[in-house]
Amino acid sequence: MQLRYPREALHKIVEQAMIYQCACPAQVCKAIGQMRELHRYQQDCLTASDTDHAVHRRIAAAAEQAHRELEQCLEDVLKLEGWNPATLEMPANLPKRRRSAEA
Protein backbone atom coordinates (compact mmCIF):
# COMPACT_ATOMS: atom_id res chain seq x y z
CA MET A 1 0.00 0.00 0.00
CA GLN A 2 1.44 3.36 -1.00
CA LEU A 3 1.36 6.08 1.65
CA ARG A 4 1.04 9.69 0.58
CA TYR A 5 0.87 10.76 4.24
CA PRO A 6 3.13 8.89 6.69
CA ARG A 7 1.83 8.23 10.21
CA GLU A 8 3.74 11.24 11.55
CA ALA A 9 2.05 13.55 9.03
CA LEU A 10 -1.39 12.26 9.96
CA HIS A 11 -0.57 12.78 13.63
CA LYS A 12 0.51 16.37 12.97
CA ILE A 13 -2.69 17.14 11.06
CA VAL A 14 -4.82 15.67 13.83
CA GLU A 15 -2.87 17.63 16.43
CA GLN A 16 -3.28 20.90 14.50
CA ALA A 17 -6.96 20.23 13.85
CA MET A 18 -7.74 19.43 17.47
CA ILE A 19 -5.97 22.53 18.81
CA TYR A 20 -8.29 24.72 16.77
CA GLN A 21 -11.41 22.57 17.05
CA CYS A 22 -11.34 21.71 13.36
CA ALA A 23 -12.33 18.06 13.52
CA CYS A 24 -13.01 17.35 9.84
CA PRO A 25 -9.38 16.87 8.70
CA ALA A 26 -8.76 14.86 11.87
CA GLN A 27 -11.69 12.57 11.06
CA VAL A 28 -10.27 11.90 7.59
CA CYS A 29 -6.87 11.14 9.15
CA LYS A 30 -8.48 8.67 11.55
CA ALA A 31 -10.30 6.95 8.68
CA ILE A 32 -6.99 6.67 6.79
CA GLY A 33 -5.43 5.03 9.83
CA GLN A 34 -8.33 2.59 10.08
CA MET A 35 -7.93 1.60 6.41
CA ARG A 36 -4.24 0.99 7.03
CA GLU A 37 -5.05 -1.22 9.99
CA LEU A 38 -7.65 -3.15 8.01
CA HIS A 39 -5.21 -3.68 5.15
CA ARG A 40 -2.44 -4.77 7.53
CA TYR A 41 -4.81 -7.21 9.23
CA GLN A 42 -5.81 -8.73 5.89
CA GLN A 43 -2.17 -9.10 4.91
CA ASP A 44 -1.58 -10.99 8.15
CA CYS A 45 -4.56 -13.23 7.39
CA LEU A 46 -3.11 -14.00 3.96
CA THR A 47 -0.06 -15.54 5.62
CA ALA A 48 -2.21 -17.99 7.59
CA SER A 49 -2.55 -21.24 5.67
CA ASP A 50 -5.99 -22.09 7.04
CA THR A 51 -7.85 -19.04 5.75
CA ASP A 52 -9.77 -18.30 2.57
CA HIS A 53 -7.25 -16.22 0.64
CA ALA A 54 -9.82 -14.93 -1.85
CA VAL A 55 -11.78 -13.33 1.01
CA HIS A 56 -8.72 -11.60 2.46
CA ARG A 57 -7.43 -10.46 -0.94
CA ARG A 58 -10.83 -8.91 -1.69
CA ILE A 59 -10.97 -7.09 1.64
CA ALA A 60 -7.36 -5.91 1.26
CA ALA A 61 -8.11 -4.60 -2.25
CA ALA A 62 -11.14 -2.69 -0.97
CA ALA A 63 -9.09 -1.24 1.89
CA GLU A 64 -6.41 -0.10 -0.57
CA GLN A 65 -8.98 1.57 -2.80
CA ALA A 66 -10.66 3.31 0.14
CA HIS A 67 -7.24 4.36 1.45
CA ARG A 68 -6.32 5.98 -1.87
CA GLU A 69 -9.63 7.85 -1.97
CA LEU A 70 -9.29 9.04 1.64
CA GLU A 71 -5.72 10.26 1.06
CA GLN A 72 -6.91 12.18 -2.00
CA CYS A 73 -9.78 13.59 0.05
CA LEU A 74 -7.33 14.72 2.75
CA GLU A 75 -5.12 16.39 0.16
CA ASP A 76 -8.14 18.17 -1.33
CA VAL A 77 -9.41 19.32 2.09
CA LEU A 78 -5.99 20.65 3.10
CA LYS A 79 -5.77 22.58 -0.18
CA LEU A 80 -9.31 23.92 0.14
CA GLU A 81 -8.62 25.14 3.67
CA GLY A 82 -5.20 26.54 2.80
CA TRP A 83 -2.97 24.31 4.94
CA ASN A 84 0.77 24.51 4.27
CA PRO A 85 1.56 21.31 2.33
CA ALA A 86 5.23 21.30 3.39
CA THR A 87 4.76 21.84 7.13
CA LEU A 88 1.15 20.64 7.47
CA GLU A 89 0.39 23.73 9.51
CA MET A 90 -3.15 25.05 9.57
CA PRO A 91 -3.43 28.52 8.06
CA ALA A 92 -3.55 31.30 10.64
CA ASN A 93 -6.86 32.63 9.35
CA LEU A 94 -8.70 29.31 9.66
CA PRO A 95 -9.06 29.28 13.48
CA LYS A 96 -10.17 32.93 13.32
CA ARG A 97 -12.77 32.10 10.64
CA ARG A 98 -14.08 29.23 12.77
CA ARG A 99 -14.34 31.39 15.90
CA SER A 100 -16.14 34.20 14.05
CA ALA A 101 -18.55 31.70 12.46
CA GLU A 102 -19.42 30.33 15.91
CA ALA A 103 -20.08 33.80 17.38
C-alpha atoms as a PDB file:
ATOM      1  CA  MET A   1       0.000   0.000   0.000  1.00  0.00           C
ATOM      2  CA  GLN A   2       1.442   3.357  -0.999  1.00  0.00           C
ATOM      3  CA  LEU A   3       1.358   6.079   1.645  1.00  0.00           C
ATOM      4  CA  ARG A   4       1.040   9.686   0.584  1.00  0.00           C
ATOM      5  CA  TYR A   5       0.870  10.758   4.237  1.00  0.00           C
ATOM      6  CA  PRO A   6       3.126   8.892   6.688  1.00  0.00           C
ATOM      7  CA  ARG A   7       1.827   8.226  10.205  1.00  0.00           C
ATOM      8  CA  GLU A   8       3.737  11.244  11.549  1.00  0.00           C
ATOM      9  CA  ALA A   9       2.052  13.553   9.026  1.00  0.00           C
ATOM     10  CA  LEU A  10      -1.392  12.263   9.962  1.00  0.00           C
ATOM     11  CA  HIS A  11      -0.575  12.776  13.627  1.00  0.00           C
ATOM     12  CA  LYS A  12       0.509  16.365  12.967  1.00  0.00           C
ATOM     13  CA  ILE A  13      -2.686  17.138  11.056  1.00  0.00           C
ATOM     14  CA  VAL A  14      -4.822  15.666  13.830  1.00  0.00           C
ATOM     15  CA  GLU A  15      -2.872  17.635  16.426  1.00  0.00           C
ATOM     16  CA  GLN A  16      -3.282  20.904  14.501  1.00  0.00           C
ATOM     17  CA  ALA A  17      -6.960  20.228  13.849  1.00  0.00           C
ATOM     18  CA  MET A  18      -7.742  19.434  17.470  1.00  0.00           C
ATOM     19  CA  ILE A  19      -5.970  22.529  18.806  1.00  0.00           C
ATOM     20  CA  TYR A  20      -8.286  24.721  16.771  1.00  0.00           C
ATOM     21  CA  GLN A  21     -11.412  22.569  17.051  1.00  0.00           C
ATOM     22  CA  CYS A  22     -11.344  21.714  13.355  1.00  0.00           C
ATOM     23  CA  ALA A  23     -12.334  18.063  13.525  1.00  0.00           C
ATOM     24  CA  CYS A  24     -13.009  17.353   9.843  1.00  0.00           C
ATOM     25  CA  PRO A  25      -9.376  16.872   8.702  1.00  0.00           C
ATOM     26  CA  ALA A  26      -8.762  14.857  11.872  1.00  0.00           C
ATOM     27  CA  GLN A  27     -11.691  12.566  11.059  1.00  0.00           C
ATOM     28  CA  VAL A  28     -10.274  11.898   7.589  1.00  0.00           C
ATOM     29  CA  CYS A  29      -6.870  11.135   9.147  1.00  0.00           C
ATOM     30  CA  LYS A  30      -8.475   8.671  11.552  1.00  0.00           C
ATOM     31  CA  ALA A  31     -10.299   6.950   8.684  1.00  0.00           C
ATOM     32  CA  ILE A  32      -6.988   6.672   6.785  1.00  0.00           C
ATOM     33  CA  GLY A  33      -5.431   5.029   9.829  1.00  0.00           C
ATOM     34  CA  GLN A  34      -8.330   2.593  10.076  1.00  0.00           C
ATOM     35  CA  MET A  35      -7.926   1.598   6.411  1.00  0.00           C
ATOM     36  CA  ARG A  36      -4.235   0.991   7.026  1.00  0.00           C
ATOM     37  CA  GLU A  37      -5.045  -1.224   9.993  1.00  0.00           C
ATOM     38  CA  LEU A  38      -7.655  -3.155   8.011  1.00  0.00           C
ATOM     39  CA  HIS A  39      -5.209  -3.679   5.154  1.00  0.00           C
ATOM     40  CA  ARG A  40      -2.439  -4.770   7.533  1.00  0.00           C
ATOM     41  CA  TYR A  41      -4.814  -7.208   9.234  1.00  0.00           C
ATOM     42  CA  GLN A  42      -5.812  -8.727   5.888  1.00  0.00           C
ATOM     43  CA  GLN A  43      -2.165  -9.099   4.911  1.00  0.00           C
ATOM     44  CA  ASP A  44      -1.583 -10.987   8.147  1.00  0.00           C
ATOM     45  CA  CYS A  45      -4.561 -13.233   7.387  1.00  0.00           C
ATOM     46  CA  LEU A  46      -3.107 -14.001   3.964  1.00  0.00           C
ATOM     47  CA  THR A  47      -0.055 -15.544   5.619  1.00  0.00           C
ATOM     48  CA  ALA A  48      -2.209 -17.989   7.586  1.00  0.00           C
ATOM     49  CA  SER A  49      -2.551 -21.242   5.672  1.00  0.00           C
ATOM     50  CA  ASP A  50      -5.986 -22.092   7.044  1.00  0.00           C
ATOM     51  CA  THR A  51      -7.845 -19.038   5.751  1.00  0.00           C
ATOM     52  CA  ASP A  52      -9.768 -18.300   2.572  1.00  0.00           C
ATOM     53  CA  HIS A  53      -7.253 -16.221   0.644  1.00  0.00           C
ATOM     54  CA  ALA A  54      -9.824 -14.930  -1.847  1.00  0.00           C
ATOM     55  CA  VAL A  55     -11.776 -13.333   1.006  1.00  0.00           C
ATOM     56  CA  HIS A  56      -8.725 -11.601   2.458  1.00  0.00           C
ATOM     57  CA  ARG A  57      -7.431 -10.460  -0.944  1.00  0.00           C
ATOM     58  CA  ARG A  58     -10.830  -8.909  -1.690  1.00  0.00           C
ATOM     59  CA  ILE A  59     -10.972  -7.090   1.644  1.00  0.00           C
ATOM     60  CA  ALA A  60      -7.364  -5.905   1.259  1.00  0.00           C
ATOM     61  CA  ALA A  61      -8.115  -4.596  -2.246  1.00  0.00           C
ATOM     62  CA  ALA A  62     -11.140  -2.688  -0.971  1.00  0.00           C
ATOM     63  CA  ALA A  63      -9.093  -1.238   1.893  1.00  0.00           C
ATOM     64  CA  GLU A  64      -6.409  -0.097  -0.570  1.00  0.00           C
ATOM     65  CA  GLN A  65      -8.980   1.565  -2.804  1.00  0.00           C
ATOM     66  CA  ALA A  66     -10.658   3.310   0.139  1.00  0.00           C
ATOM     67  CA  HIS A  67      -7.242   4.358   1.452  1.00  0.00           C
ATOM     68  CA  ARG A  68      -6.318   5.985  -1.874  1.00  0.00           C
ATOM     69  CA  GLU A  69      -9.631   7.852  -1.971  1.00  0.00           C
ATOM     70  CA  LEU A  70      -9.288   9.042   1.637  1.00  0.00           C
ATOM     71  CA  GLU A  71      -5.722  10.264   1.065  1.00  0.00           C
ATOM     72  CA  GLN A  72      -6.910  12.183  -2.000  1.00  0.00           C
ATOM     73  CA  CYS A  73      -9.776  13.590   0.053  1.00  0.00           C
ATOM     74  CA  LEU A  74      -7.333  14.725   2.748  1.00  0.00           C
ATOM     75  CA  GLU A  75      -5.116  16.394   0.164  1.00  0.00           C
ATOM     76  CA  ASP A  76      -8.140  18.167  -1.328  1.00  0.00           C
ATOM     77  CA  VAL A  77      -9.411  19.317   2.090  1.00  0.00           C
ATOM     78  CA  LEU A  78      -5.994  20.653   3.101  1.00  0.00           C
ATOM     79  CA  LYS A  79      -5.770  22.580  -0.185  1.00  0.00           C
ATOM     80  CA  LEU A  80      -9.308  23.924   0.137  1.00  0.00           C
ATOM     81  CA  GLU A  81      -8.623  25.136   3.671  1.00  0.00           C
ATOM     82  CA  GLY A  82      -5.204  26.541   2.796  1.00  0.00           C
ATOM     83  CA  TRP A  83      -2.966  24.313   4.939  1.00  0.00           C
ATOM     84  CA  ASN A  84       0.773  24.515   4.269  1.00  0.00           C
ATOM     85  CA  PRO A  85       1.564  21.308   2.332  1.00  0.00           C
ATOM     86  CA  ALA A  86       5.233  21.296   3.387  1.00  0.00           C
ATOM     87  CA  THR A  87       4.760  21.835   7.128  1.00  0.00           C
ATOM     88  CA  LEU A  88       1.149  20.639   7.470  1.00  0.00           C
ATOM     89  CA  GLU A  89       0.385  23.728   9.512  1.00  0.00           C
ATOM     90  CA  MET A  90      -3.150  25.045   9.573  1.00  0.00           C
ATOM     91  CA  PRO A  91      -3.434  28.524   8.061  1.00  0.00           C
ATOM     92  CA  ALA A  92      -3.553  31.303  10.641  1.00  0.00           C
ATOM     93  CA  ASN A  93      -6.859  32.633   9.350  1.00  0.00           C
ATOM     94  CA  LEU A  94      -8.700  29.310   9.659  1.00  0.00           C
ATOM     95  CA  PRO A  95      -9.058  29.278  13.477  1.00  0.00           C
ATOM     96  CA  LYS A  96     -10.165  32.932  13.316  1.00  0.00           C
ATOM     97  CA  ARG A  97     -12.767  32.097  10.644  1.00  0.00           C
ATOM     98  CA  ARG A  98     -14.079  29.230  12.767  1.00  0.00           C
ATOM     99  CA  ARG A  99     -14.340  31.395  15.903  1.00  0.00           C
ATOM    100  CA  SER A 100     -16.139  34.199  14.055  1.00  0.00           C
ATOM    101  CA  ALA A 101     -18.554  31.696  12.457  1.00  0.00           C
ATOM    102  CA  GLU A 102     -19.424  30.332  15.914  1.00  0.00           C
ATOM    103  CA  ALA A 103     -20.078  33.799  17.376  1.00  0.00           C
END
